[in-house]
Amino acid sequence: MATRPLLSRDEAASLVVALAAHAALVAWLALHPLAPKAPPEPERMTVTIADEVADKSTSPDPSAQAASAIAPVIAENPVPVPAPAPVVQPQPIPQPQPPRPQ
């Protein structure tokens, strides 16, 4: 009884090519990191938390009046409201006369 080979020649060649491609992929992923370089850290700032509150504002240019809470009027005549579309009444569908008994 003749034994048949486990893989044909074409299948063995395909398996070798697939294994070589996977090995190349693993090597490339190991040598090239995926993450980009981190951006530089921003400059640090000093923050002081004070529990005392001043009686007067110490801002360099205090404003006497607060900003307006209402937007200014741009035009005297705003965009007119479009007229409503006319309402079309549906026409009644005539009903057929019932047949008369003979």
N, C-alpha and C. Protein backbone atom coordinates (compact mmCIF):
# COMPACT_ATOMS: atom_id res chain seq x y z
N MET A 1 0.84 -1.16 0.00
CA MET A 1 0.00 0.00 0.00
C MET A 1 0.90 1.24 0.00
N ALA A 2 0.65 2.12 -0.94
CA ALA A 2 1.47 3.33 -1.07
C ALA A 2 0.96 4.40 -0.13
N THR A 3 1.87 5.10 0.48
CA THR A 3 1.46 6.19 1.38
C THR A 3 1.44 7.50 0.61
N ARG A 4 0.45 8.26 0.90
CA ARG A 4 0.29 9.55 0.25
C ARG A 4 0.99 10.61 1.10
N PRO A 5 1.70 11.56 0.54
CA PRO A 5 2.37 12.58 1.35
C PRO A 5 1.33 13.45 2.07
N LEU A 6 1.75 13.96 3.22
CA LEU A 6 0.85 14.78 4.05
C LEU A 6 0.46 16.07 3.32
N LEU A 7 1.40 16.74 2.70
CA LEU A 7 1.12 17.96 1.94
C LEU A 7 1.64 17.81 0.52
N SER A 8 0.91 18.38 -0.39
CA SER A 8 1.40 18.37 -1.77
C SER A 8 2.53 19.40 -1.90
N ARG A 9 3.20 19.39 -3.03
CA ARG A 9 4.30 20.32 -3.23
C ARG A 9 3.84 21.77 -3.19
N ASP A 10 2.69 22.05 -3.79
CA ASP A 10 2.16 23.41 -3.81
C ASP A 10 1.78 23.87 -2.40
N GLU A 11 1.16 22.96 -1.63
CA GLU A 11 0.75 23.31 -0.27
C GLU A 11 1.97 23.57 0.60
N ALA A 12 3.03 22.78 0.45
CA ALA A 12 4.24 22.96 1.24
C ALA A 12 4.90 24.30 0.89
N ALA A 13 4.95 24.65 -0.39
CA ALA A 13 5.54 25.92 -0.80
C ALA A 13 4.72 27.09 -0.24
N SER A 14 3.39 26.98 -0.28
CA SER A 14 2.52 28.03 0.26
C SER A 14 2.72 28.17 1.76
N LEU A 15 2.89 27.06 2.47
CA LEU A 15 3.09 27.10 3.91
C LEU A 15 4.42 27.79 4.24
N VAL A 16 5.46 27.52 3.49
CA VAL A 16 6.76 28.16 3.71
C VAL A 16 6.66 29.66 3.46
N VAL A 17 5.98 30.07 2.41
CA VAL A 17 5.83 31.49 2.10
C VAL A 17 5.03 32.18 3.20
N ALA A 18 3.96 31.56 3.69
CA ALA A 18 3.13 32.16 4.75
C ALA A 18 3.93 32.29 6.05
N LEU A 19 4.70 31.27 6.40
CA LEU A 19 5.51 31.34 7.62
C LEU A 19 6.57 32.43 7.50
N ALA A 20 7.20 32.56 6.35
CA ALA A 20 8.20 33.60 6.15
C ALA A 20 7.57 34.99 6.23
N ALA A 21 6.39 35.17 5.67
CA ALA A 21 5.70 36.46 5.73
C ALA A 21 5.33 36.82 7.16
N HIS A 22 4.84 35.84 7.92
CA HIS A 22 4.49 36.10 9.32
C HIS A 22 5.74 36.44 10.13
N ALA A 23 6.84 35.75 9.89
CA ALA A 23 8.08 36.05 10.62
C ALA A 23 8.56 37.46 10.29
N ALA A 24 8.46 37.86 9.03
CA ALA A 24 8.86 39.22 8.65
C ALA A 24 7.96 40.26 9.30
N LEU A 25 6.68 39.98 9.39
CA LEU A 25 5.74 40.90 10.03
C LEU A 25 6.05 41.06 11.51
N VAL A 26 6.29 39.96 12.20
CA VAL A 26 6.61 40.02 13.64
C VAL A 26 7.91 40.78 13.85
N ALA A 27 8.91 40.56 13.00
CA ALA A 27 10.18 41.28 13.14
C ALA A 27 10.00 42.77 12.90
N TRP A 28 9.21 43.14 11.90
CA TRP A 28 8.99 44.55 11.61
C TRP A 28 8.25 45.23 12.77
N LEU A 29 7.22 44.56 13.34
CA LEU A 29 6.48 45.14 14.46
C LEU A 29 7.35 45.26 15.70
N ALA A 30 8.29 44.35 15.90
CA ALA A 30 9.15 44.41 17.07
C ALA A 30 10.18 45.54 16.94
N LEU A 31 10.61 45.84 15.74
CA LEU A 31 11.64 46.85 15.55
C LEU A 31 11.10 48.26 15.35
N HIS A 32 9.85 48.41 14.96
CA HIS A 32 9.27 49.72 14.72
C HIS A 32 8.13 49.95 15.71
N PRO A 33 8.31 50.83 16.68
CA PRO A 33 7.22 51.08 17.65
C PRO A 33 6.04 51.76 16.95
N LEU A 34 4.84 51.44 17.41
CA LEU A 34 3.63 51.99 16.80
C LEU A 34 3.29 53.39 17.32
N ALA A 35 3.63 53.67 18.58
CA ALA A 35 3.25 54.94 19.19
C ALA A 35 4.15 56.07 18.68
N PRO A 36 3.56 57.22 18.35
CA PRO A 36 4.38 58.36 17.93
C PRO A 36 5.10 58.96 19.13
N LYS A 37 6.08 59.80 18.86
CA LYS A 37 6.83 60.43 19.95
C LYS A 37 5.89 61.35 20.73
N ALA A 38 6.07 61.38 22.03
CA ALA A 38 5.23 62.21 22.90
C ALA A 38 5.56 63.68 22.68
N PRO A 39 4.54 64.56 22.71
CA PRO A 39 4.80 65.99 22.55
C PRO A 39 5.53 66.51 23.79
N PRO A 40 6.23 67.63 23.68
CA PRO A 40 6.94 68.16 24.85
C PRO A 40 5.95 68.60 25.91
N GLU A 41 6.37 68.47 27.16
CA GLU A 41 5.49 68.86 28.27
C GLU A 41 5.35 70.37 28.31
N PRO A 42 4.16 70.89 28.65
CA PRO A 42 3.99 72.35 28.72
C PRO A 42 4.72 72.91 29.94
N GLU A 43 4.98 74.21 29.90
CA GLU A 43 5.65 74.85 31.02
C GLU A 43 4.76 74.79 32.25
N ARG A 44 5.39 74.64 33.38
CA ARG A 44 4.63 74.59 34.64
C ARG A 44 4.31 75.99 35.09
N MET A 45 3.16 76.14 35.77
CA MET A 45 2.78 77.43 36.30
C MET A 45 2.58 77.31 37.81
N THR A 46 2.77 78.41 38.47
CA THR A 46 2.62 78.44 39.92
C THR A 46 1.22 78.92 40.27
N VAL A 47 0.56 78.18 41.13
CA VAL A 47 -0.79 78.53 41.56
C VAL A 47 -0.77 78.67 43.07
N THR A 48 -1.33 79.77 43.56
CA THR A 48 -1.41 79.98 45.00
C THR A 48 -2.88 79.99 45.40
N ILE A 49 -3.22 79.16 46.35
CA ILE A 49 -4.59 79.11 46.85
C ILE A 49 -4.63 79.94 48.13
N ALA A 50 -5.41 81.02 48.11
CA ALA A 50 -5.49 81.92 49.26
C ALA A 50 -6.86 81.82 49.88
N ASP A 51 -6.90 81.88 51.21
CA ASP A 51 -8.19 81.83 51.89
C ASP A 51 -8.65 83.23 52.27
N GLU A 52 -7.84 84.26 52.02
CA GLU A 52 -8.22 85.63 52.32
C GLU A 52 -8.75 86.28 51.04
N VAL A 53 -9.77 87.13 51.20
CA VAL A 53 -10.37 87.81 50.06
C VAL A 53 -10.16 89.30 50.23
N ALA A 54 -9.71 89.99 49.18
CA ALA A 54 -9.46 91.42 49.25
C ALA A 54 -10.77 92.19 49.15
N ASP A 55 -10.81 93.36 49.79
CA ASP A 55 -12.00 94.22 49.72
C ASP A 55 -12.08 94.92 48.37
N LYS A 56 -10.94 95.22 47.76
CA LYS A 56 -10.90 95.93 46.48
C LYS A 56 -10.28 95.02 45.44
N SER A 57 -10.71 95.22 44.20
CA SER A 57 -10.15 94.46 43.10
C SER A 57 -8.74 94.95 42.81
N THR A 58 -7.87 94.04 42.53
CA THR A 58 -6.49 94.42 42.24
C THR A 58 -6.17 94.22 40.76
N SER A 59 -7.19 94.13 39.92
CA SER A 59 -6.94 93.95 38.49
C SER A 59 -6.35 95.23 37.93
N PRO A 60 -5.51 95.16 36.90
CA PRO A 60 -4.86 96.35 36.37
C PRO A 60 -5.82 97.33 35.71
N ASP A 61 -6.93 96.86 35.11
CA ASP A 61 -7.86 97.76 34.42
C ASP A 61 -9.28 97.35 34.77
N PRO A 62 -9.77 97.69 35.98
CA PRO A 62 -11.13 97.27 36.35
C PRO A 62 -12.17 98.03 35.53
N SER A 63 -13.22 97.33 35.16
CA SER A 63 -14.29 97.93 34.37
C SER A 63 -15.41 98.36 35.31
N ALA A 64 -15.91 99.59 35.13
CA ALA A 64 -16.97 100.09 36.00
C ALA A 64 -18.30 99.43 35.69
N GLN A 65 -18.55 99.17 34.41
CA GLN A 65 -19.82 98.56 34.04
C GLN A 65 -19.56 97.16 33.49
N ALA A 66 -20.45 96.28 33.87
CA ALA A 66 -20.34 94.91 33.37
C ALA A 66 -20.80 94.87 31.91
N ALA A 67 -20.43 93.83 31.24
CA ALA A 67 -20.83 93.67 29.84
C ALA A 67 -22.33 93.48 29.75
N SER A 68 -22.90 93.92 28.64
CA SER A 68 -24.33 93.81 28.42
C SER A 68 -24.74 92.35 28.26
N ALA A 69 -25.87 91.99 28.84
CA ALA A 69 -26.36 90.61 28.73
C ALA A 69 -27.25 90.43 27.51
N ILE A 70 -27.56 91.54 26.82
CA ILE A 70 -28.44 91.48 25.66
C ILE A 70 -27.62 91.83 24.42
N ALA A 71 -27.84 91.10 23.38
CA ALA A 71 -27.11 91.35 22.13
C ALA A 71 -27.60 92.67 21.52
N PRO A 72 -26.73 93.40 20.86
CA PRO A 72 -27.16 94.65 20.24
C PRO A 72 -28.05 94.38 19.04
N VAL A 73 -28.88 95.37 18.71
CA VAL A 73 -29.76 95.24 17.57
C VAL A 73 -28.95 95.54 16.31
N ILE A 74 -28.95 94.63 15.38
CA ILE A 74 -28.16 94.81 14.17
C ILE A 74 -28.97 95.55 13.11
N ALA A 75 -30.24 95.22 12.95
CA ALA A 75 -31.06 95.87 11.94
C ALA A 75 -32.40 96.23 12.56
N GLU A 76 -32.99 97.32 12.05
CA GLU A 76 -34.29 97.72 12.57
C GLU A 76 -35.38 96.75 12.13
N ASN A 77 -35.28 96.28 10.89
CA ASN A 77 -36.27 95.35 10.37
C ASN A 77 -35.62 93.97 10.25
N PRO A 78 -35.90 93.10 11.19
CA PRO A 78 -35.31 91.77 11.06
C PRO A 78 -35.93 91.02 9.89
N VAL A 79 -35.44 89.88 9.60
CA VAL A 79 -35.94 89.08 8.49
C VAL A 79 -37.42 88.81 8.70
N PRO A 80 -38.26 89.14 7.72
CA PRO A 80 -39.70 88.93 7.90
C PRO A 80 -40.03 87.44 8.00
N VAL A 81 -41.06 87.18 8.77
CA VAL A 81 -41.52 85.81 8.92
C VAL A 81 -42.24 85.40 7.64
N PRO A 82 -41.89 84.28 7.05
CA PRO A 82 -42.56 83.88 5.80
C PRO A 82 -44.04 83.60 6.05
N ALA A 83 -44.84 83.91 5.05
CA ALA A 83 -46.29 83.67 5.16
C ALA A 83 -46.55 82.17 5.22
N PRO A 84 -47.53 81.77 6.01
CA PRO A 84 -47.81 80.34 6.08
C PRO A 84 -48.33 79.82 4.74
N ALA A 85 -47.99 78.59 4.45
CA ALA A 85 -48.44 77.98 3.20
C ALA A 85 -49.95 77.80 3.24
N PRO A 86 -50.62 78.01 2.09
CA PRO A 86 -52.07 77.84 2.10
C PRO A 86 -52.44 76.38 2.36
N VAL A 87 -53.49 76.21 3.13
CA VAL A 87 -53.95 74.86 3.45
C VAL A 87 -54.87 74.38 2.34
N VAL A 88 -54.53 73.26 1.77
CA VAL A 88 -55.33 72.71 0.67
C VAL A 88 -56.28 71.68 1.27
N GLN A 89 -57.56 71.89 1.02
CA GLN A 89 -58.56 70.96 1.52
C GLN A 89 -58.65 69.78 0.56
N PRO A 90 -58.61 68.56 1.06
CA PRO A 90 -58.71 67.41 0.15
C PRO A 90 -60.12 67.33 -0.45
N GLN A 91 -60.16 66.96 -1.71
CA GLN A 91 -61.44 66.81 -2.41
C GLN A 91 -62.02 65.43 -2.04
N PRO A 92 -63.32 65.40 -1.75
CA PRO A 92 -63.91 64.10 -1.42
C PRO A 92 -63.95 63.21 -2.67
N ILE A 93 -63.68 61.94 -2.45
CA ILE A 93 -63.70 60.97 -3.54
C ILE A 93 -65.14 60.47 -3.69
N PRO A 94 -65.70 60.56 -4.90
CA PRO A 94 -67.09 60.10 -5.06
C PRO A 94 -67.17 58.59 -4.83
N GLN A 95 -68.18 58.21 -4.06
CA GLN A 95 -68.39 56.79 -3.78
C GLN A 95 -69.29 56.20 -4.86
N PRO A 96 -68.98 55.00 -5.32
CA PRO A 96 -69.84 54.37 -6.36
C PRO A 96 -71.22 54.03 -5.74
N GLN A 97 -72.20 54.13 -6.59
CA GLN A 97 -73.58 53.78 -6.15
C GLN A 97 -73.66 52.26 -5.97
N PRO A 98 -74.31 51.85 -4.89
CA PRO A 98 -74.48 50.40 -4.72
C PRO A 98 -75.38 49.85 -5.81
N PRO A 99 -75.16 48.63 -6.23
CA PRO A 99 -76.00 48.06 -7.30
C PRO A 99 -77.45 47.90 -6.80
N ARG A 100 -78.38 48.14 -7.73
CA ARG A 100 -79.79 47.99 -7.38
C ARG A 100 -80.21 46.54 -7.55
N PRO A 101 -81.03 46.07 -6.65
CA PRO A 101 -81.52 44.69 -6.84
C PRO A 101 -82.47 44.64 -8.05
N GLN A 102 -82.49 43.55 -8.73
CA GLN A 102 -83.32 43.44 -9.92
C GLN A 102 -84.54 42.67 -9.70
